[in-house]
Protein backbone atom coordinates (compact mmCIF):
# COMPACT_ATOMS: atom_id res chain seq x y z
CA MET A 1 50.66 -196.70 109.49
CA GLY A 2 51.24 -195.63 112.89
CA ASN A 3 54.35 -197.82 113.09
CA ASP A 4 55.60 -196.45 109.56
CA LYS A 5 59.33 -196.24 108.98
CA SER A 6 61.90 -193.54 108.36
CA ILE A 7 64.52 -193.28 105.79
CA GLU A 8 66.88 -190.85 105.57
CA HIS A 9 69.36 -188.96 103.10
CA GLU A 10 72.09 -186.77 104.11
CA GLY A 11 72.13 -183.36 101.67
CA ILE A 12 72.84 -180.14 101.20
CA VAL A 13 71.35 -177.27 102.13
CA ARG A 14 71.55 -175.10 98.37
CA ALA A 15 69.15 -172.84 99.65
CA ILE A 16 66.34 -171.23 101.52
CA GLU A 17 63.19 -169.36 100.47
CA GLY A 18 60.81 -168.78 103.29
CA ARG A 19 59.55 -171.59 104.78
CA ASN A 20 61.28 -173.43 101.55
CA VAL A 21 65.04 -175.39 102.22
CA LYS A 22 65.68 -176.40 99.34
CA VAL A 23 68.22 -179.85 100.16
CA GLU A 24 70.65 -181.55 97.77
CA ILE A 25 70.79 -185.55 98.33
CA LEU A 26 73.56 -187.60 95.84
CA SER A 27 71.28 -190.84 95.68
CA LYS A 28 73.73 -193.68 95.20
CA SER A 29 73.12 -197.54 93.54
CA ALA A 30 73.14 -200.39 95.87
CA CYS A 31 76.10 -200.97 94.82
CA SER A 32 77.59 -197.55 94.41
CA GLY A 33 79.31 -198.42 97.78
CA CYS A 34 81.24 -201.07 96.62
CA SER A 35 84.96 -201.82 96.23
CA ALA A 36 84.58 -202.20 92.46
CA ARG A 37 82.69 -199.60 91.62
CA SER A 38 85.37 -198.01 89.14
CA LEU A 39 85.32 -201.42 87.46
CA CYS A 40 81.93 -201.78 87.24
CA SER A 41 79.64 -199.64 84.56
CA SER A 42 76.54 -200.10 86.65
CA SER A 43 77.08 -197.72 89.48
CA GLU A 44 75.65 -194.89 89.33
CA GLN A 45 75.08 -191.97 91.28
CA LYS A 46 72.45 -188.98 90.36
CA VAL A 47 72.12 -185.97 92.63
CA LYS A 48 68.12 -184.44 93.19
CA GLU A 49 66.65 -181.66 95.04
CA ILE A 50 63.98 -181.99 97.17
CA ASP A 51 61.81 -179.06 98.67
CA VAL A 52 61.55 -179.28 101.94
CA GLU A 53 58.89 -177.15 104.40
CA THR A 54 59.61 -176.35 107.74
CA SER A 55 58.65 -173.39 109.97
CA GLU A 56 62.65 -173.12 110.73
CA GLY A 57 63.94 -172.30 107.88
CA GLU A 58 65.99 -169.47 109.92
CA ARG A 59 67.72 -172.12 111.69
CA TYR A 60 69.65 -173.74 108.46
CA GLU A 61 72.32 -171.79 105.86
CA VAL A 62 73.17 -172.53 102.58
CA GLY A 63 76.10 -175.21 102.67
CA GLU A 64 75.24 -176.89 105.41
CA ASN A 65 74.87 -180.38 105.93
CA VAL A 66 71.58 -182.00 107.12
CA THR A 67 69.62 -185.16 107.06
CA VAL A 68 66.20 -184.82 104.78
CA VAL A 69 63.65 -187.66 106.38
CA GLY A 70 61.17 -189.10 104.73
CA MET A 71 58.44 -192.30 105.29
CA GLU A 72 58.64 -195.16 103.73
CA SER A 73 54.41 -195.58 102.62
CA MET A 74 55.31 -191.97 100.39
CA GLY A 75 57.44 -194.15 98.46
CA LEU A 76 55.36 -197.03 98.77
CA ILE A 77 52.37 -194.88 97.45
CA ALA A 78 54.31 -192.82 94.23
CA VAL A 79 55.26 -196.30 92.79
CA MET A 80 51.84 -196.99 93.69
CA ILE A 81 50.65 -193.64 91.80
CA CYS A 82 54.13 -193.84 88.44
CA TYR A 83 54.49 -197.77 88.03
CA VAL A 84 51.08 -200.33 89.58
CA VAL A 85 48.05 -198.06 88.09
CA PRO A 86 49.78 -197.11 84.51
CA VAL A 87 50.43 -200.62 84.41
CA VAL A 88 46.68 -201.85 85.48
CA LEU A 89 45.45 -198.91 83.02
CA MET A 90 47.05 -200.55 80.25
CA VAL A 91 47.26 -204.35 80.80
CA ALA A 92 43.31 -203.90 80.70
CA THR A 93 42.36 -201.06 77.95
CA MET A 94 44.09 -203.77 75.91
CA GLY A 95 42.35 -206.70 76.97
CA VAL A 96 39.14 -205.27 76.31
CA LEU A 97 40.00 -203.58 73.09
CA THR A 98 41.54 -207.54 72.26
CA ARG A 99 38.38 -209.44 73.50
CA MET A 100 36.20 -206.99 71.53
CA GLY A 101 38.53 -207.93 68.21
CA ASN A 102 39.90 -204.83 67.14
CA GLU A 103 43.58 -204.93 65.31
CA ASP A 104 46.92 -205.69 67.24
CA THR A 105 47.57 -201.66 65.95
CA ILE A 106 44.65 -200.22 67.38
CA VAL A 107 45.04 -201.94 70.30
CA GLY A 108 48.43 -201.08 71.72
CA LEU A 109 47.90 -197.46 70.67
CA ALA A 110 44.88 -197.85 72.73
CA GLY A 111 46.97 -199.20 75.48
CA LEU A 112 49.73 -195.95 75.92
CA GLY A 113 47.31 -193.25 74.96
CA VAL A 114 45.03 -194.20 78.13
CA LEU A 115 48.58 -193.61 79.43
CA VAL A 116 48.82 -189.65 78.53
CA PRO A 117 44.42 -188.73 80.25
CA TYR A 118 46.48 -190.72 83.03
CA PHE A 119 49.91 -188.30 83.61
CA ILE A 120 47.35 -185.22 82.47
CA ILE A 121 45.33 -186.03 85.92
CA VAL A 122 48.73 -186.38 87.90
CA TYR A 123 50.14 -183.33 86.97
CA LEU A 124 46.74 -181.59 87.78
CA MET A 125 46.78 -182.82 90.81
CA ARG A 126 50.54 -182.43 92.13
CA GLU A 127 49.93 -179.70 94.47
CA ARG A 128 47.45 -182.12 96.50
CA LEU A 129 49.85 -184.94 96.50
CA GLY A 130 52.51 -182.71 97.03
CA ARG A 131 50.81 -181.90 100.58
CA ARG A 132 50.81 -186.11 101.02
CA PHE A 133 54.71 -186.21 100.39
CA LYS A 134 56.02 -184.11 102.86
CA PHE A 135 59.69 -184.23 103.72
CA LYS A 136 60.81 -183.53 107.30
CA ILE A 137 64.71 -182.23 107.56
CA LYS A 138 66.58 -182.00 110.58
CA LYS A 139 70.91 -181.82 111.77
């Protein structure tokens, strides 16, 4: 991953707490820049808040426009954790239980039920995962 591409988003500094700078970014769907977006119901925008840890927190001011930079690989890892692994767990659980001859209701509930401990584990590992997902900030 030495040649990992970066992803940049424009944002506004909303708060500074020591080494943490809270940046609000406006996440736009791909079609939100379209000139026909007012006529289309599929365009959407969401406001997201990102915590950026930096040793230069005093350089920034609340309300200042900044750029938040993340690595593309962080997005791929997030997709794996949030989507791919849960789907694989569900399908594997349901496949094993089906082969064992269980009823469809049991198979379906177990397929969903396997997600509960998985996401509890992800929640308990949030600090460790947070160290892996580091964003940078620049003026």
